[in-house]
Amino acid sequence: MVTYTRAFADIFIQENKAQILSKYRLNYHLMSEYGWMNDPNGFIQYKGEYHLFYQHYPYKPVWGPMHWGHAVCSDMINWRYLPVAIAPDMEYDKGGCFSGSAIEKEGSLHLIYTGHVLTGPDKEHDYVQTQNLAISTDGITFNKWSDNPVIPLLEIPEGISKKDFRDPKVIERNGKYYMVLGSNDGAGNGLILLYSSEDLITWEFINVIAKSDGHMGDNWECPDIFSMGNRDVLIMSPQRVAAQGHDYHNLHSTMYMIGTFEAHQGSFQYEQYYPIDYGFDYYAPQTTLDDRGRRIMIGWMDMWESDMPTQEGHHWAGAMSLPREIILSGDQLLFRPIEEIMAYRNNPLSLENILLDGEQNMGEQGDSYEMQLVFEPRDAVELGVKLRVGEGEETVITYSTDDRLLSLNRDRAGIGPKGIRRTAIELVDGELALQIFVDRSSIEIFIQGGQKVMTARIYPGEESLGIIVFSKGRCMVKSLCKWDLMR
């Protein structure tokens, strides 16, 4: 039986990180220092800096008994690694320290996380989960609460899965703490549980605040709840949602609802739900409120059961998305890149009024950049841009004016996963505006000022650097701006 500790993990990382291959390493996104990374955890601004913890197996680039990796920075871009925060070293979490959140209380940083314990030989089905607490006075060294679990198995209500009981997000409202947890009813419907506490130690079950209508996945993970103006927002990561038109074509998805949260009653009333991301690789997002009043969200920029080329000899796998500011716009949310990224712009290029009918090589290259494009379709039936072009490779963004669909095609994007994702987009004042972030092995497309976002991992060759704009029929590229981005 392997005994995992924080100290052993830290020593192993320092002794082995020189083996990391840089070929697909991202320049302005957070990755693990070594080994595996998935869900963001404990995203918080604490003592003037942003802290981000993450699901981490530090020994190999594969999922294993989860630790909490830890990084910190002042701008959510230029992260520095801190020691591993927690390791699966207790009876109640020996199968893994699963996802959770962070909250500040009386100057100390409290981590609330799921302890995972295997109960039999089938790791996919034989397990139980409880909620646990770890505390730090300096934001670096964490001590687990002596009376963990703070929510044991006996506190799971009847009619709720006795296994899938995880990913606590804790908030404070009106002087009281509330925890939302992901679970299911055991009959194919995901749901969210609500608990309350006066002290983060003693918790009381209140109610099931949201549940699948039969079409929203069989298990809900990584819930988050917050207020924007006079509205409340609930987000979660539903598993195995069946495709709905062009939406929900990944194995697992992300979703948000805007409504009214009544904490004391334990209810969340909503009318509609929407995807958070319309691409391939975005999961388990978590938010925080910073000292500027911004609601910031970051997600895991990969997908379960998807090919990850860096697992083969590169010694790392997994990355976080670019942090996104959430803005309430009517009854929907906008997602925009944080403005801090602008400080990393270099080598500006600005072009205007490019008349297009066919393909035009822009003569520009790059593998880590931001590009803003505004198209006026005119007579074009299709228009778009090809990125990371070269040696038979390309990642293609296409807008079809007939059916008003924007597509992201990575069938020829290099090694790794393939596929096409599509989403409906209306022109705004006759124009299509795209803000695109490319970073070595990723692409994030912010559409029409953040109305929708499409995210994907791509793994092209190092010489595939070209940029081509194209149209079928006359089209005007009203503006094209590009900046290299480097930390």
Protein backbone atom coordinates (compact mmCIF):
# COMPACT_ATOMS: atom_id res chain seq x y z
CA MET A 1 0.00 0.00 0.00
CA VAL A 2 1.45 3.37 -1.08
CA THR A 3 1.47 6.06 1.60
CA TYR A 4 0.94 9.52 0.13
CA THR A 5 2.16 12.66 1.89
CA ARG A 6 2.57 16.29 0.93
CA ALA A 7 6.29 16.21 1.65
CA PHE A 8 6.91 13.17 -0.52
CA ALA A 9 4.91 14.71 -3.38
CA ASP A 10 6.89 17.97 -3.21
CA ILE A 11 10.23 16.14 -3.20
CA PHE A 12 9.18 13.95 -6.12
CA ILE A 13 8.09 16.96 -8.21
CA GLN A 14 11.34 18.84 -7.64
CA GLU A 15 13.45 15.77 -8.44
CA ASN A 16 11.57 14.92 -11.64
CA LYS A 17 10.25 18.15 -13.20
CA ALA A 18 13.34 18.50 -15.40
CA GLN A 19 11.97 15.57 -17.43
CA ILE A 20 9.03 17.67 -18.65
CA LEU A 21 8.96 18.11 -22.43
CA SER A 22 8.15 21.66 -23.53
CA LYS A 23 6.69 20.96 -26.99
CA TYR A 24 3.03 21.49 -26.05
CA ARG A 25 3.55 23.44 -22.81
CA LEU A 26 1.33 26.51 -22.68
CA ASN A 27 2.74 29.99 -22.28
CA TYR A 28 -0.03 31.89 -20.48
CA HIS A 29 -2.22 29.14 -19.01
CA LEU A 30 -1.69 27.24 -15.76
CA MET A 31 -0.55 23.61 -15.95
CA SER A 32 0.79 21.26 -13.30
CA GLU A 33 4.49 21.52 -12.54
CA TYR A 34 4.68 17.76 -13.13
CA GLY A 35 2.10 15.01 -13.55
CA TRP A 36 -1.67 15.19 -13.89
CA MET A 37 -4.08 18.12 -13.42
CA ASN A 38 -7.86 18.30 -13.59
CA ASP A 39 -10.59 20.33 -11.80
CA PRO A 40 -9.85 23.79 -10.40
CA ASN A 41 -10.41 23.88 -6.63
CA GLY A 42 -10.42 26.53 -3.93
CA PHE A 43 -10.29 29.51 -6.31
CA ILE A 44 -10.08 32.56 -4.04
CA GLN A 45 -8.41 35.92 -3.52
CA TYR A 46 -6.67 35.76 -0.15
CA LYS A 47 -4.33 38.31 1.42
CA GLY A 48 -4.05 40.24 -1.84
CA GLU A 49 -3.26 37.32 -4.15
CA TYR A 50 -5.27 34.88 -6.21
CA HIS A 51 -4.98 31.29 -5.04
CA LEU A 52 -5.91 28.38 -7.24
CA PHE A 53 -5.80 24.79 -6.09
CA TYR A 54 -6.35 21.90 -8.46
CA GLN A 55 -6.90 18.17 -8.63
CA HIS A 56 -3.43 16.74 -8.97
CA TYR A 57 -1.68 13.40 -9.24
CA PRO A 58 1.95 14.47 -8.95
CA TYR A 59 3.61 11.17 -9.87
CA LYS A 60 2.39 10.44 -13.40
CA PRO A 61 0.45 12.25 -16.17
CA VAL A 62 -2.61 10.11 -15.45
CA TRP A 63 -5.49 10.29 -13.01
CA GLY A 64 -4.54 8.78 -9.64
CA PRO A 65 -5.22 9.28 -5.92
CA MET A 66 -5.97 12.98 -5.90
CA HIS A 67 -3.85 15.58 -4.13
CA TRP A 68 -4.47 19.33 -4.17
CA GLY A 69 -1.85 21.20 -6.19
CA HIS A 70 -1.51 24.89 -5.40
CA ALA A 71 -0.52 28.00 -7.35
CA VAL A 72 -0.70 31.71 -6.58
CA CYS A 73 -0.31 35.00 -8.44
CA SER A 74 -1.34 38.65 -8.50
CA ASP A 75 -2.97 38.73 -11.95
CA MET A 76 -4.34 35.22 -12.68
CA ILE A 77 -1.84 34.82 -15.53
CA ASN A 78 1.69 34.59 -14.15
CA TRP A 79 1.23 31.78 -11.64
CA ARG A 80 3.92 30.44 -9.32
CA TYR A 81 3.76 27.02 -7.73
CA LEU A 82 3.42 26.49 -4.00
CA PRO A 83 3.83 23.22 -2.07
CA VAL A 84 1.12 20.59 -2.44
CA ALA A 85 -1.71 21.71 -0.13
CA ILE A 86 -3.30 18.40 0.86
CA ALA A 87 -2.59 14.74 0.20
CA PRO A 88 -4.72 11.60 0.67
CA ASP A 89 -3.07 10.62 3.96
CA MET A 90 -6.04 9.94 6.26
CA GLU A 91 -8.54 7.07 6.55
CA TYR A 92 -11.39 9.32 5.41
CA ASP A 93 -9.62 10.50 2.22
CA LYS A 94 -7.12 7.73 1.46
CA GLY A 95 -8.66 7.14 -1.98
CA GLY A 96 -8.20 10.80 -2.91
CA CYS A 97 -8.80 14.39 -1.85
CA PHE A 98 -11.48 15.23 -4.41
CA SER A 99 -12.71 18.66 -5.49
CA GLY A 100 -13.89 21.43 -3.21
CA SER A 101 -13.61 25.13 -2.44
CA ALA A 102 -11.95 27.71 -0.21
CA ILE A 103 -13.32 30.40 2.06
CA GLU A 104 -11.68 32.88 4.42
CA LYS A 105 -12.81 32.88 8.06
CA GLU A 106 -11.26 35.10 10.75
CA GLY A 107 -8.14 35.59 8.65
CA SER A 108 -7.54 31.88 8.06
CA LEU A 109 -8.01 30.05 4.79
CA HIS A 110 -10.36 27.09 5.01
CA LEU A 111 -10.43 24.34 2.38
CA ILE A 112 -13.56 22.19 2.18
CA TYR A 113 -13.06 19.08 0.10
CA THR A 114 -14.42 15.61 -0.61
CA GLY A 115 -12.70 12.60 0.91
CA HIS A 116 -12.89 9.58 -1.38
CA VAL A 117 -12.52 6.04 0.01
CA LEU A 118 -12.58 2.82 -1.98
CA THR A 119 -14.72 0.07 -0.44
CA GLY A 120 -14.05 -2.77 -2.88
CA PRO A 121 -12.08 -3.91 -5.92
CA ASP A 122 -14.16 -2.02 -8.51
CA LYS A 123 -12.93 1.57 -8.27
CA GLU A 124 -15.72 2.75 -10.62
CA HIS A 125 -18.48 1.56 -8.29
CA ASP A 126 -17.07 0.61 -4.88
CA TYR A 127 -16.53 3.88 -3.00
CA VAL A 128 -17.97 6.36 -0.50
CA GLN A 129 -17.46 10.10 -0.15
CA THR A 130 -17.55 12.55 2.77
CA GLN A 131 -16.85 16.27 3.24
CA ASN A 132 -13.76 17.44 5.11
CA LEU A 133 -11.96 20.55 6.29
CA ALA A 134 -8.35 21.78 6.26
CA ILE A 135 -7.19 25.13 7.67
CA SER A 136 -4.18 27.43 7.12
CA THR A 137 -3.15 30.68 8.75
CA ASP A 138 -0.61 31.55 6.05
CA GLY A 139 -2.33 30.21 2.92
CA ILE A 140 0.48 27.70 2.33
CA THR A 141 0.55 25.03 5.05
CA PHE A 142 -2.77 23.32 5.73
CA ASN A 143 -3.78 21.16 8.68
CA LYS A 144 -6.74 18.84 8.43
CA TRP A 145 -9.49 19.26 11.03
CA SER A 146 -9.09 16.79 13.87
CA ASP A 147 -12.75 15.71 13.77
CA ASN A 148 -13.12 15.16 10.03
CA PRO A 149 -15.40 14.38 8.28
CA VAL A 150 -17.52 17.46 8.91
CA ILE A 151 -20.29 15.86 6.84
CA PRO A 152 -20.14 12.09 7.30
CA LEU A 153 -22.06 9.42 5.43
CA LEU A 154 -24.87 9.49 7.99
CA GLU A 155 -25.70 13.05 6.92
CA ILE A 156 -26.60 12.05 3.37
CA PRO A 157 -30.42 12.23 3.15
CA GLU A 158 -32.64 9.40 2.01
CA GLY A 159 -33.20 9.13 -1.72
CA ILE A 160 -29.74 10.51 -2.53
CA SER A 161 -26.79 8.52 -3.86
CA LYS A 162 -24.73 7.08 -1.01
CA LYS A 163 -21.62 7.20 -3.21
CA ASP A 164 -21.72 10.28 -5.44
CA PHE A 165 -21.65 13.03 -2.84
CA ARG A 166 -18.94 15.49 -3.71
CA ASP A 167 -17.40 18.81 -4.77
CA PRO A 168 -18.52 21.21 -2.01
CA LYS A 169 -18.69 24.93 -2.80
CA VAL A 170 -19.11 27.05 0.34
CA ILE A 171 -20.42 30.61 0.40
CA GLU A 172 -21.35 33.04 3.16
CA ARG A 173 -24.71 34.78 3.05
CA ASN A 174 -26.26 36.93 5.81
CA GLY A 175 -23.74 35.75 8.38
CA LYS A 176 -24.29 32.06 7.70
CA TYR A 177 -22.37 29.51 5.65
CA TYR A 178 -24.02 27.49 2.90
CA MET A 179 -22.62 24.54 1.00
CA VAL A 180 -23.81 23.21 -2.35
CA LEU A 181 -22.88 19.63 -3.23
CA GLY A 182 -23.20 17.58 -6.40
CA SER A 183 -24.97 14.22 -6.43
CA ASN A 184 -27.81 12.23 -8.04
CA ASP A 185 -30.99 10.41 -7.07
CA GLY A 186 -29.72 6.97 -8.07
CA ALA A 187 -32.26 6.85 -10.87
CA GLY A 188 -30.42 8.77 -13.59
CA ASN A 189 -31.00 12.36 -12.48
CA GLY A 190 -28.30 14.74 -11.28
CA LEU A 191 -29.08 17.12 -8.44
CA ILE A 192 -27.66 19.73 -6.05
CA LEU A 193 -27.85 19.48 -2.26
CA LEU A 194 -27.78 22.43 0.14
CA TYR A 195 -26.33 22.38 3.68
CA SER A 196 -25.90 25.21 6.22
CA SER A 197 -23.51 25.91 9.09
CA GLU A 198 -22.67 28.58 11.63
CA ASP A 199 -19.00 27.66 11.94
CA LEU A 200 -17.90 25.52 8.91
CA ILE A 201 -17.74 22.50 11.24
CA THR A 202 -21.31 21.48 12.12
CA TRP A 203 -23.53 21.18 9.04
CA GLU A 204 -27.25 20.66 8.61
CA PHE A 205 -28.98 19.40 5.46
CA ILE A 206 -31.60 21.86 4.16
CA ASN A 207 -32.91 20.64 0.82
CA VAL A 208 -32.35 19.55 -2.76
CA ILE A 209 -32.29 22.92 -4.51
CA ALA A 210 -32.13 21.76 -8.15
CA LYS A 211 -32.61 18.49 -10.00
CA SER A 212 -32.46 17.24 -13.58
CA ASP A 213 -35.71 17.22 -15.51
CA GLY A 214 -34.64 13.93 -17.09
CA HIS A 215 -32.62 15.56 -19.88
CA MET A 216 -29.79 17.20 -17.93
CA GLY A 217 -27.41 14.39 -17.03
CA ASP A 218 -27.36 11.49 -14.59
CA ASN A 219 -24.93 13.04 -12.09
CA TRP A 220 -24.08 16.67 -11.33
CA GLU A 221 -20.55 17.67 -10.33
CA CYS A 222 -18.75 20.82 -9.19
CA PRO A 223 -21.69 23.11 -8.34
CA ASP A 224 -21.19 26.81 -7.68
CA ILE A 225 -23.76 29.41 -6.63
CA PHE A 226 -23.42 33.20 -6.52
CA SER A 227 -25.35 36.44 -6.92
CA MET A 228 -25.11 39.01 -9.71
CA GLY A 229 -27.14 42.14 -9.12
CA ASN A 230 -30.57 41.01 -7.97
CA ARG A 231 -30.27 37.61 -9.64
CA ASP A 232 -28.69 34.36 -8.56
CA VAL A 233 -26.64 32.00 -10.73
CA LEU A 234 -26.18 28.25 -10.29
CA ILE A 235 -23.54 26.46 -12.34
CA MET A 236 -22.66 22.79 -12.45
CA SER A 237 -21.00 20.14 -14.57
CA PRO A 238 -23.61 17.56 -15.55
CA GLN A 239 -22.37 14.16 -16.63
CA ARG A 240 -23.61 12.30 -19.70
CA VAL A 241 -26.12 14.86 -20.97
CA ALA A 242 -27.66 13.70 -24.23
CA ALA A 243 -27.07 16.02 -27.19
CA GLN A 244 -29.68 18.77 -27.61
CA GLY A 245 -29.40 20.11 -31.14
CA HIS A 246 -25.87 21.47 -31.50
CA ASP A 247 -25.32 21.58 -27.72
CA TYR A 248 -23.98 19.02 -25.24
CA HIS A 249 -21.97 16.85 -27.62
CA ASN A 250 -19.15 16.13 -25.17
CA LEU A 251 -19.06 13.21 -22.76
CA HIS A 252 -19.64 15.65 -19.89
CA SER A 253 -20.84 19.25 -20.04
CA THR A 254 -21.06 22.57 -18.21
CA MET A 255 -24.29 24.43 -17.55
CA TYR A 256 -25.66 27.54 -15.87
CA MET A 257 -29.07 28.69 -14.68
CA ILE A 258 -30.17 32.20 -13.71
CA GLY A 259 -32.91 32.42 -11.09
CA THR A 260 -33.71 33.10 -7.45
CA PHE A 261 -31.95 31.36 -4.57
CA GLU A 262 -33.77 31.27 -1.24
CA ALA A 263 -31.12 30.03 1.15
CA HIS A 264 -33.27 29.59 4.25
CA GLN A 265 -35.94 27.70 2.33
CA GLY A 266 -33.40 25.75 0.31
CA SER A 267 -34.81 26.51 -3.12
CA PHE A 268 -33.52 27.71 -6.46
CA GLN A 269 -36.16 28.76 -8.99
CA TYR A 270 -35.14 29.08 -12.64
CA GLU A 271 -36.70 28.88 -16.08
CA GLN A 272 -33.88 28.16 -18.54
CA TYR A 273 -30.47 26.55 -18.61
CA TYR A 274 -27.57 27.18 -20.98
CA PRO A 275 -24.15 25.68 -21.79
CA ILE A 276 -21.17 27.58 -20.39
CA ASP A 277 -18.85 26.57 -23.23
CA TYR A 278 -19.70 25.32 -26.73
CA GLY A 279 -16.37 23.74 -27.65
CA PHE A 280 -14.67 20.45 -26.80
CA ASP A 281 -12.58 20.98 -23.69
CA TYR A 282 -14.04 22.86 -20.75
CA TYR A 283 -15.17 21.26 -17.51
CA ALA A 284 -15.67 21.77 -13.76
CA PRO A 285 -15.52 25.60 -13.74
CA GLN A 286 -15.29 27.40 -10.41
CA THR A 287 -15.76 31.11 -9.66
CA THR A 288 -14.56 33.67 -7.17
CA LEU A 289 -15.44 37.28 -6.38
CA ASP A 290 -12.39 39.53 -6.30
CA ASP A 291 -11.74 42.84 -4.54
CA ARG A 292 -12.75 44.74 -7.68
CA GLY A 293 -16.22 43.23 -7.56
CA ARG A 294 -15.62 40.96 -10.56
CA ARG A 295 -16.98 37.44 -10.73
CA ILE A 296 -14.15 35.43 -12.28
CA MET A 297 -14.44 31.85 -13.56
CA ILE A 298 -11.79 29.32 -14.50
CA GLY A 299 -12.26 25.78 -15.82
CA TRP A 300 -10.31 22.63 -16.62
CA MET A 301 -9.31 22.94 -20.28
CA ASP A 302 -9.60 19.25 -21.13
CA MET A 303 -12.26 16.52 -21.21
CA TRP A 304 -12.58 13.08 -19.68
CA GLU A 305 -11.90 10.06 -21.87
CA SER A 306 -10.32 12.29 -24.51
CA ASP A 307 -6.91 11.66 -26.07
CA MET A 308 -4.16 13.67 -24.34
CA PRO A 309 -0.90 13.38 -26.32
CA THR A 310 1.23 14.75 -23.47
CA GLN A 311 0.49 11.61 -21.47
CA GLU A 312 2.90 9.78 -23.77
CA GLY A 313 6.40 10.67 -22.60
CA HIS A 314 5.84 14.35 -21.81
CA HIS A 315 5.28 13.79 -18.07
CA TRP A 316 2.33 16.18 -17.75
CA ALA A 317 -1.34 16.39 -18.72
CA GLY A 318 -4.12 18.91 -18.17
CA ALA A 319 -4.38 22.69 -18.11
CA MET A 320 -6.62 25.48 -16.90
CA SER A 321 -8.52 27.84 -19.17
CA LEU A 322 -7.88 31.54 -19.41
CA PRO A 323 -9.82 33.10 -16.50
CA ARG A 324 -13.08 34.66 -17.67
CA GLU A 325 -15.06 37.54 -16.21
CA ILE A 326 -18.79 36.82 -15.94
CA ILE A 327 -21.20 39.63 -16.80
CA LEU A 328 -24.98 39.49 -16.40
CA SER A 329 -26.75 40.65 -19.57
CA GLY A 330 -30.51 40.39 -19.29
CA ASP A 331 -31.40 36.77 -18.71
CA GLN A 332 -28.07 35.40 -19.91
CA LEU A 333 -24.41 35.57 -19.02
CA LEU A 334 -21.52 36.94 -21.03
CA PHE A 335 -18.03 35.47 -20.61
CA ARG A 336 -15.04 37.67 -21.38
CA PRO A 337 -11.28 37.21 -20.97
CA ILE A 338 -9.89 39.01 -17.95
CA GLU A 339 -8.35 42.36 -18.82
CA GLU A 340 -5.05 41.42 -17.14
CA ILE A 341 -4.10 39.44 -20.25
CA MET A 342 -3.61 42.74 -22.11
CA ALA A 343 -0.44 43.39 -20.11
CA TYR A 344 1.20 40.46 -21.93
CA ARG A 345 0.59 41.77 -25.45
CA ASN A 346 3.62 42.25 -27.69
CA ASN A 347 4.33 42.92 -31.38
CA PRO A 348 0.98 44.53 -32.29
CA LEU A 349 -0.50 44.20 -35.77
CA SER A 350 -3.53 46.19 -36.91
CA LEU A 351 -5.20 45.92 -40.32
CA GLU A 352 -8.47 47.35 -41.63
CA ASN A 353 -10.90 46.92 -44.53
CA ILE A 354 -9.53 43.80 -46.19
CA LEU A 355 -11.75 42.91 -49.12
CA LEU A 356 -11.88 39.15 -49.33
CA ASP A 357 -13.16 36.60 -51.85
CA GLY A 358 -11.25 33.35 -51.43
CA GLU A 359 -8.23 32.78 -49.21
CA GLN A 360 -5.64 35.28 -48.09
CA ASN A 361 -2.50 34.33 -46.21
CA MET A 362 -1.92 37.07 -43.66
CA GLY A 363 1.84 36.59 -43.69
CA GLU A 364 1.67 36.38 -39.91
CA GLN A 365 2.68 33.45 -37.77
CA GLY A 366 2.53 32.36 -34.18
CA ASP A 367 1.64 29.74 -31.61
CA SER A 368 0.82 32.00 -28.64
CA TYR A 369 -1.25 35.04 -29.46
CA GLU A 370 -4.50 36.96 -29.24
CA MET A 371 -6.35 37.92 -32.40
CA GLN A 372 -9.46 40.06 -32.78
CA LEU A 373 -11.42 39.87 -36.04
CA VAL A 374 -14.51 41.71 -37.22
CA PHE A 375 -16.16 40.35 -40.37
CA GLU A 376 -18.85 42.00 -42.51
CA PRO A 377 -20.20 39.07 -44.58
CA ARG A 378 -21.71 41.01 -47.51
CA ASP A 379 -22.28 38.35 -50.22
CA ALA A 380 -20.30 35.56 -48.56
CA VAL A 381 -22.02 32.27 -47.79
CA GLU A 382 -19.06 31.24 -45.64
CA LEU A 383 -16.19 33.08 -44.01
CA GLY A 384 -13.65 32.47 -41.33
CA VAL A 385 -10.06 31.97 -40.33
CA LYS A 386 -7.58 29.08 -40.38
CA LEU A 387 -5.06 28.98 -37.56
CA ARG A 388 -1.88 26.96 -36.87
CA VAL A 389 -1.65 26.31 -40.62
CA GLY A 390 1.20 24.29 -42.07
CA GLU A 391 2.35 20.83 -43.15
CA GLY A 392 -1.22 19.81 -43.97
CA GLU A 393 -2.50 21.00 -40.59
CA GLU A 394 -5.05 23.66 -39.76
CA THR A 395 -7.62 24.55 -37.11
CA VAL A 396 -10.61 26.10 -38.88
CA ILE A 397 -13.24 28.53 -37.60
CA THR A 398 -16.08 28.95 -40.11
CA TYR A 399 -19.25 31.03 -40.07
CA SER A 400 -22.09 29.99 -42.38
CA THR A 401 -24.35 32.92 -43.22
CA ASP A 402 -27.23 30.74 -44.44
CA ASP A 403 -27.82 28.81 -41.24
CA ARG A 404 -25.97 31.24 -38.94
CA LEU A 405 -23.75 28.54 -37.47
CA LEU A 406 -20.20 29.04 -36.26
CA SER A 407 -18.09 25.89 -36.38
CA LEU A 408 -14.76 24.92 -34.84
CA ASN A 409 -13.06 22.12 -36.80
CA ARG A 410 -9.97 20.37 -35.45
CA ASP A 411 -10.04 17.35 -37.78
CA ARG A 412 -6.69 18.48 -39.24
CA ALA A 413 -5.35 20.26 -36.16
CA GLY A 414 -2.48 17.80 -35.62
CA ILE A 415 -2.25 14.76 -33.40
CA GLY A 416 -4.75 14.24 -30.64
CA PRO A 417 -8.56 14.38 -30.63
CA LYS A 418 -10.57 15.38 -33.71
CA GLY A 419 -14.09 16.62 -34.34
CA ILE A 420 -16.31 19.60 -35.12
CA ARG A 421 -18.44 21.69 -32.77
CA ARG A 422 -21.12 24.08 -33.99
CA THR A 423 -23.21 26.76 -32.35
CA ALA A 424 -25.86 29.22 -33.53
CA ILE A 425 -24.71 32.84 -33.70
CA GLU A 426 -26.59 35.90 -34.96
CA LEU A 427 -24.78 38.82 -36.53
CA VAL A 428 -24.74 42.05 -34.53
CA ASP A 429 -25.31 45.13 -36.70
CA GLY A 430 -24.41 42.95 -39.67
CA GLU A 431 -21.04 41.93 -38.21
CA LEU A 432 -19.33 38.93 -36.63
CA ALA A 433 -16.76 39.71 -33.94
CA LEU A 434 -14.29 37.06 -32.74
CA GLN A 435 -11.64 37.33 -30.03
CA ILE A 436 -9.34 34.31 -30.31
CA PHE A 437 -6.63 33.12 -27.94
CA VAL A 438 -4.13 30.57 -29.24
CA ASP A 439 -1.56 29.08 -26.87
CA ARG A 440 0.69 26.27 -28.14
CA SER A 441 -1.84 23.47 -27.62
CA SER A 442 -5.11 25.33 -27.00
CA ILE A 443 -7.60 27.67 -28.61
CA GLU A 444 -10.37 29.75 -26.97
CA ILE A 445 -12.85 31.70 -29.11
CA PHE A 446 -14.93 34.48 -27.55
CA ILE A 447 -17.84 35.21 -29.89
CA GLN A 448 -19.77 38.48 -30.24
CA GLY A 449 -18.38 40.06 -27.07
CA GLY A 450 -18.63 36.90 -25.01
CA GLN A 451 -22.14 35.77 -25.94
CA LYS A 452 -20.61 32.32 -26.37
CA VAL A 453 -17.18 30.71 -25.98
CA MET A 454 -15.67 27.67 -27.70
CA THR A 455 -12.62 25.98 -26.18
CA ALA A 456 -10.43 23.17 -27.53
CA ARG A 457 -7.06 21.52 -27.07
CA ILE A 458 -5.10 21.13 -30.32
CA TYR A 459 -1.68 19.55 -30.91
CA PRO A 460 -0.22 20.78 -34.22
CA GLY A 461 3.39 20.48 -35.32
CA GLU A 462 5.84 23.14 -34.24
CA GLU A 463 6.10 24.49 -37.81
CA SER A 464 2.32 24.88 -38.24
CA LEU A 465 2.15 28.58 -37.49
CA GLY A 466 0.29 30.21 -40.40
CA ILE A 467 -2.86 32.36 -40.35
CA ILE A 468 -5.29 32.47 -43.31
CA VAL A 469 -8.58 34.35 -43.60
CA PHE A 470 -11.09 33.10 -46.16
CA SER A 471 -14.56 33.54 -47.61
CA LYS A 472 -16.83 32.03 -50.23
CA GLY A 473 -18.22 35.15 -51.85
CA ARG A 474 -17.33 38.75 -51.16
CA CYS A 475 -16.62 39.61 -47.54
CA MET A 476 -15.01 42.52 -45.73
CA VAL A 477 -12.62 41.96 -42.87
CA LYS A 478 -13.30 45.27 -41.20
CA SER A 479 -10.48 44.86 -38.72
CA LEU A 480 -7.83 42.36 -37.76
CA CYS A 481 -5.70 42.96 -34.66
CA LYS A 482 -3.08 40.54 -33.37
CA TRP A 483 -0.68 40.50 -30.45
CA ASP A 484 1.85 37.88 -29.41
CA LEU A 485 1.26 36.83 -25.81
CA MET A 486 4.14 35.81 -23.59
CA ARG A 487 4.68 35.66 -19.85
